[in-house]
Amino acid sequence: TPLYSSAASDVYKRQVYTPANINSVSNNLGKELVSLFPNPSNSGNFTVRTSGFNAENATVIITDAVGKTVHTQTIEVGLTPVNNTVNANLAAGVYNVTCTSGTARVTTKLVVNK
């Protein structure tokens, strides 16, 4: 039995894989959506819009181009869309924004122009 099965393509047409042996407790794995706006950000602050998370909270971890954590914040999430403001006041650059909740983990790229 394969460990992973192909689920779908994400908005960037990248193949998304989910574990093949998902149980009913974690059957939302792979359906979590995270978007950032404005992206690019001119202030270093932005909004995280999440949906499809089978939880109430998630942790947002922002890392810079070399992988250093520059900001961490707990946000509200849920199955329906939720907007959270992140006041990280980031310097100009490219960052990875990772939302983690339970077994769900979604990473999105953020560009900051100042």
Protein backbone atom coordinates (compact mmCIF):
# COMPACT_ATOMS: atom_id res chain seq x y z
CA THR A 1 0.00 0.00 0.00
CA PRO A 2 1.45 3.42 -0.92
CA LEU A 3 2.15 5.85 1.91
CA TYR A 4 0.89 8.87 -0.03
CA SER A 5 -1.81 9.41 -2.59
CA SER A 6 -2.12 12.32 -4.97
CA ALA A 7 -4.98 14.58 -3.87
CA ALA A 8 -5.09 17.57 -6.20
CA SER A 9 -3.18 20.56 -7.46
CA ASP A 10 -2.95 23.74 -5.43
CA VAL A 11 -3.49 27.27 -6.76
CA TYR A 12 0.07 27.31 -8.12
CA LYS A 13 -0.56 24.04 -10.00
CA ARG A 14 1.81 22.18 -7.66
CA GLN A 15 0.88 18.58 -6.91
CA VAL A 16 -0.45 18.17 -3.36
CA TYR A 17 0.03 14.82 -1.62
CA THR A 18 -1.85 13.50 1.38
CA PRO A 19 -1.25 10.36 3.45
CA ALA A 20 -3.04 7.36 1.98
CA ASN A 21 -4.18 6.01 5.35
CA ILE A 22 -6.05 9.05 6.70
CA ASN A 23 -8.54 8.25 9.44
CA SER A 24 -11.84 10.04 10.00
CA VAL A 25 -10.37 12.36 12.65
CA SER A 26 -7.92 13.98 10.24
CA ASN A 27 -9.78 13.71 6.95
CA ASN A 28 -9.39 17.46 6.28
CA LEU A 29 -5.62 17.07 5.81
CA GLY A 30 -4.65 18.63 2.50
CA LYS A 31 -7.78 20.81 2.26
CA GLU A 32 -6.48 23.67 4.39
CA LEU A 33 -6.16 26.94 2.51
CA VAL A 34 -4.00 29.91 3.43
CA SER A 35 -3.77 33.18 1.53
CA LEU A 36 -1.90 36.36 2.38
CA PHE A 37 -2.87 39.88 1.42
CA PRO A 38 -1.65 42.32 0.44
CA ASN A 39 1.10 40.29 -1.19
CA PRO A 40 3.43 41.95 -1.87
CA SER A 41 3.15 43.99 1.31
CA ASN A 42 4.45 47.56 1.39
CA SER A 43 4.35 47.89 5.20
CA GLY A 44 5.63 44.52 6.43
CA ASN A 45 2.18 43.82 7.91
CA PHE A 46 -0.46 41.65 6.24
CA THR A 47 -3.62 39.59 6.68
CA VAL A 48 -3.70 35.79 6.80
CA ARG A 49 -6.94 34.31 5.45
CA THR A 50 -7.46 30.67 6.40
CA SER A 51 -10.16 28.08 5.79
CA GLY A 52 -10.56 24.33 5.98
CA PHE A 53 -8.75 23.90 9.30
CA ASN A 54 -10.39 21.40 11.65
CA ALA A 55 -9.26 23.38 14.72
CA GLU A 56 -9.78 26.71 16.48
CA ASN A 57 -6.19 27.98 16.55
CA ALA A 58 -3.02 27.73 14.48
CA THR A 59 0.50 29.01 14.85
CA VAL A 60 1.92 31.32 12.19
CA ILE A 61 5.70 31.11 11.87
CA ILE A 62 7.43 33.57 9.55
CA THR A 63 10.94 32.69 8.41
CA ASP A 64 13.34 34.76 6.32
CA ALA A 65 15.33 33.64 3.26
CA VAL A 66 17.94 31.84 5.39
CA GLY A 67 15.34 30.02 7.52
CA LYS A 68 15.58 32.20 10.64
CA THR A 69 12.28 32.62 12.50
CA VAL A 70 11.47 36.34 12.57
CA HIS A 71 7.90 36.29 13.92
CA THR A 72 5.53 33.82 15.60
CA GLN A 73 1.86 34.40 16.32
CA THR A 74 -1.21 32.37 17.28
CA ILE A 75 -4.22 32.99 15.03
CA GLU A 76 -7.84 31.84 14.89
CA VAL A 77 -8.71 29.27 12.23
CA GLY A 78 -11.70 27.13 11.34
CA LEU A 79 -13.49 25.34 8.55
CA THR A 80 -14.96 28.60 7.24
CA PRO A 81 -12.83 31.60 6.15
CA VAL A 82 -11.15 33.56 8.97
CA ASN A 83 -9.04 36.72 8.55
CA ASN A 84 -6.21 37.50 11.00
CA THR A 85 -4.01 40.60 10.96
CA VAL A 86 -0.29 39.97 11.42
CA ASN A 87 1.60 43.07 12.59
CA ALA A 88 5.12 41.74 12.08
CA ASN A 89 6.58 45.00 10.68
CA LEU A 90 8.88 42.94 8.43
CA ALA A 91 11.80 44.44 6.54
CA ALA A 92 11.92 44.25 2.75
CA GLY A 93 12.53 40.69 1.55
CA VAL A 94 10.98 37.32 0.80
CA TYR A 95 9.53 35.26 3.64
CA ASN A 96 7.88 31.88 4.16
CA VAL A 97 4.70 32.06 6.22
CA THR A 98 3.78 28.68 7.72
CA CYS A 99 0.43 27.98 9.41
CA THR A 100 0.50 24.89 11.61
CA SER A 101 -2.42 23.34 13.48
CA GLY A 102 -2.30 19.73 14.64
CA THR A 103 -1.18 17.67 11.65
CA ALA A 104 -2.00 20.42 9.14
CA ARG A 105 0.88 22.54 7.86
CA VAL A 106 0.61 25.05 5.00
CA THR A 107 3.46 27.29 3.82
CA THR A 108 2.97 30.36 1.61
CA LYS A 109 5.51 32.85 0.27
CA LEU A 110 5.24 36.54 1.23
CA VAL A 111 7.08 39.40 -0.48
CA VAL A 112 7.68 42.66 1.41
CA ASN A 113 8.58 45.79 -0.58
CA LYS A 114 9.46 48.88 1.43
